[in-house]
């Protein structure tokens, strides 16, 4: 019975923190556009023909290639 005197306030504090985090996430816009991130993984950001090959890159300045 004595353990309930500790566990109930601790559980209430955890619930209050969880509710505050949820309200913060909603007010900061975390749930505004749920589909954007799901579709972003499917979008191709760079065209295939404009990729730079490693042999086309110049070595950094000041480094000897020996």
N, C-alpha and C. Protein backbone atom coordinates (compact mmCIF):
# COMPACT_ATOMS: atom_id res chain seq x y z
N UNK A 1 0.82 -1.20 0.00
CA UNK A 1 0.00 0.00 0.00
C UNK A 1 0.86 1.26 0.00
N UNK A 2 1.98 1.19 0.72
CA UNK A 2 2.85 2.37 0.78
C UNK A 2 3.48 2.69 -0.58
N UNK A 3 3.67 1.66 -1.41
CA UNK A 3 4.28 1.92 -2.71
C UNK A 3 3.34 2.71 -3.62
N UNK A 4 2.03 2.61 -3.39
CA UNK A 4 1.09 3.39 -4.20
C UNK A 4 1.22 4.88 -3.95
N UNK A 5 1.65 5.26 -2.75
CA UNK A 5 1.86 6.67 -2.45
C UNK A 5 2.98 7.27 -3.31
N UNK A 6 3.88 6.42 -3.76
CA UNK A 6 4.95 6.88 -4.64
C UNK A 6 4.56 6.68 -6.11
N UNK A 7 3.98 5.56 -6.43
CA UNK A 7 3.74 5.23 -7.83
C UNK A 7 2.64 6.07 -8.48
N UNK A 8 1.61 6.41 -7.75
CA UNK A 8 0.52 7.22 -8.32
C UNK A 8 1.00 8.62 -8.70
N UNK A 9 1.72 9.36 -7.82
CA UNK A 9 2.23 10.66 -8.26
C UNK A 9 3.23 10.58 -9.41
N UNK A 10 4.06 9.54 -9.42
CA UNK A 10 5.01 9.38 -10.52
C UNK A 10 4.26 9.14 -11.83
N UNK A 11 3.24 8.32 -11.80
CA UNK A 11 2.44 8.07 -13.01
C UNK A 11 1.72 9.34 -13.46
N UNK A 12 1.22 10.13 -12.53
CA UNK A 12 0.56 11.39 -12.90
C UNK A 12 1.55 12.36 -13.54
N UNK A 13 2.77 12.42 -13.01
CA UNK A 13 3.79 13.30 -13.59
C UNK A 13 4.12 12.85 -15.01
N UNK A 14 4.28 11.55 -15.22
CA UNK A 14 4.54 11.04 -16.57
C UNK A 14 3.39 11.36 -17.53
N UNK A 15 2.17 11.24 -17.08
CA UNK A 15 1.02 11.57 -17.92
C UNK A 15 0.99 13.05 -18.27
N UNK A 16 1.28 13.90 -17.31
CA UNK A 16 1.29 15.34 -17.56
C UNK A 16 2.39 15.69 -18.56
N UNK A 17 3.57 15.08 -18.42
CA UNK A 17 4.67 15.34 -19.36
C UNK A 17 4.29 14.86 -20.76
N UNK A 18 3.67 13.70 -20.87
CA UNK A 18 3.27 13.18 -22.18
C UNK A 18 2.23 14.07 -22.83
N UNK A 19 1.28 14.56 -22.07
CA UNK A 19 0.25 15.45 -22.61
C UNK A 19 0.87 16.77 -23.07
N UNK A 20 1.81 17.30 -22.27
CA UNK A 20 2.48 18.55 -22.68
C UNK A 20 3.29 18.36 -23.95
N UNK A 21 3.98 17.22 -24.08
CA UNK A 21 4.74 16.96 -25.30
C UNK A 21 3.82 16.82 -26.51
N UNK A 22 2.69 16.17 -26.33
CA UNK A 22 1.73 16.04 -27.43
C UNK A 22 1.18 17.39 -27.84
N UNK A 23 0.82 18.21 -26.88
CA UNK A 23 0.30 19.55 -27.21
C UNK A 23 1.37 20.41 -27.87
N UNK A 24 2.63 20.28 -27.43
CA UNK A 24 3.71 21.02 -28.06
C UNK A 24 3.89 20.57 -29.52
N UNK A 25 3.84 19.27 -29.77
CA UNK A 25 4.00 18.76 -31.12
C UNK A 25 2.88 19.24 -32.03
N UNK A 26 1.68 19.27 -31.52
CA UNK A 26 0.55 19.74 -32.32
C UNK A 26 0.67 21.23 -32.61
N UNK A 27 1.05 22.02 -31.60
CA UNK A 27 1.12 23.47 -31.80
C UNK A 27 2.32 23.88 -32.65
N UNK A 28 3.38 23.07 -32.68
CA UNK A 28 4.55 23.44 -33.48
C UNK A 28 4.45 22.95 -34.93
N UNK A 29 3.35 22.29 -35.28
CA UNK A 29 3.13 21.91 -36.67
C UNK A 29 3.68 20.55 -37.04
N UNK A 30 3.95 19.69 -36.11
CA UNK A 30 4.49 18.37 -36.41
C UNK A 30 3.49 17.50 -37.17
N UNK A 31 2.21 17.74 -36.99
CA UNK A 31 1.18 16.91 -37.60
C UNK A 31 0.43 17.64 -38.73
N UNK A 32 0.99 18.71 -39.25
CA UNK A 32 0.30 19.47 -40.29
C UNK A 32 0.21 18.71 -41.61
N UNK A 33 1.33 18.18 -42.07
CA UNK A 33 1.36 17.49 -43.37
C UNK A 33 2.00 16.12 -43.19
N UNK A 34 1.20 15.12 -42.98
CA UNK A 34 1.72 13.77 -42.73
C UNK A 34 2.11 13.05 -44.01
N UNK A 35 1.59 13.46 -45.15
CA UNK A 35 1.87 12.77 -46.40
C UNK A 35 3.15 13.24 -47.08
N UNK A 36 3.64 14.42 -46.75
CA UNK A 36 4.82 14.96 -47.42
C UNK A 36 6.04 14.06 -47.20
N UNK A 37 6.30 13.65 -45.99
CA UNK A 37 7.47 12.82 -45.72
C UNK A 37 7.33 11.43 -46.33
N UNK A 38 6.12 10.93 -46.41
CA UNK A 38 5.91 9.62 -47.02
C UNK A 38 6.19 9.67 -48.52
N UNK A 39 5.86 10.75 -49.19
CA UNK A 39 6.09 10.86 -50.63
C UNK A 39 7.49 11.35 -50.95
N UNK A 40 8.15 12.00 -50.00
CA UNK A 40 9.49 12.54 -50.25
C UNK A 40 10.50 11.43 -50.49
N UNK A 41 10.33 10.29 -49.85
CA UNK A 41 11.26 9.18 -50.04
C UNK A 41 11.19 8.63 -51.46
N UNK A 42 10.04 8.80 -52.13
CA UNK A 42 9.88 8.29 -53.48
C UNK A 42 10.34 9.26 -54.56
N UNK A 43 10.51 10.53 -54.21
CA UNK A 43 10.91 11.54 -55.19
C UNK A 43 12.40 11.43 -55.47
N UNK A 44 12.76 11.56 -56.73
CA UNK A 44 14.16 11.54 -57.13
C UNK A 44 14.66 12.98 -57.13
N UNK A 45 15.60 13.29 -56.25
CA UNK A 45 16.05 14.66 -56.10
C UNK A 45 17.02 15.11 -57.19
N UNK A 46 17.90 14.22 -57.64
CA UNK A 46 18.87 14.63 -58.64
C UNK A 46 18.67 13.84 -59.93
N UNK A 47 18.74 14.51 -61.06
CA UNK A 47 18.60 13.82 -62.34
C UNK A 47 19.77 12.84 -62.55
N UNK A 48 19.54 11.79 -63.31
CA UNK A 48 20.54 10.74 -63.48
C UNK A 48 21.75 11.24 -64.27
N UNK A 49 21.56 12.10 -65.27
CA UNK A 49 22.64 12.52 -66.16
C UNK A 49 23.57 13.55 -65.55
N UNK A 50 23.23 14.18 -64.46
CA UNK A 50 24.06 15.24 -63.91
C UNK A 50 24.93 14.77 -62.75
N UNK A 51 24.98 13.50 -62.51
CA UNK A 51 25.84 13.00 -61.43
C UNK A 51 27.30 13.11 -61.85
N UNK A 52 28.14 13.48 -60.89
CA UNK A 52 29.57 13.63 -61.16
C UNK A 52 30.27 12.33 -60.80
N UNK A 53 31.07 11.85 -61.72
CA UNK A 53 31.83 10.62 -61.49
C UNK A 53 33.05 10.95 -60.64
N UNK A 54 33.50 10.02 -59.81
CA UNK A 54 34.67 10.30 -58.95
C UNK A 54 35.92 10.65 -59.74
N UNK A 55 36.13 10.07 -60.92
CA UNK A 55 37.33 10.38 -61.70
C UNK A 55 37.26 11.77 -62.33
N UNK A 56 36.08 12.37 -62.44
CA UNK A 56 35.93 13.70 -63.00
C UNK A 56 36.22 14.80 -61.99
N UNK A 57 36.23 14.46 -60.72
CA UNK A 57 36.46 15.47 -59.69
C UNK A 57 37.95 15.80 -59.62
N UNK A 58 38.25 17.07 -59.42
CA UNK A 58 39.63 17.49 -59.25
C UNK A 58 40.02 17.27 -57.79
N UNK A 59 41.30 16.93 -57.53
CA UNK A 59 41.72 16.76 -56.13
C UNK A 59 41.66 18.10 -55.40
N UNK A 60 41.49 18.09 -54.11
CA UNK A 60 41.45 19.34 -53.34
C UNK A 60 42.77 20.10 -53.48
N UNK A 61 42.69 21.41 -53.44
CA UNK A 61 43.86 22.25 -53.58
C UNK A 61 44.80 22.06 -52.39
N UNK A 62 46.11 22.01 -52.66
CA UNK A 62 47.10 21.93 -51.61
C UNK A 62 47.43 20.51 -51.19
N UNK A 63 46.86 19.51 -51.82
CA UNK A 63 47.17 18.13 -51.46
C UNK A 63 47.88 17.48 -52.63
N UNK A 64 49.08 16.97 -52.38
CA UNK A 64 49.84 16.28 -53.42
C UNK A 64 49.29 14.90 -53.62
N UNK A 65 49.18 14.50 -54.87
CA UNK A 65 48.71 13.17 -55.21
C UNK A 65 49.91 12.33 -55.61
N UNK A 66 50.60 11.73 -54.68
CA UNK A 66 51.80 10.94 -54.97
C UNK A 66 51.56 9.50 -54.79
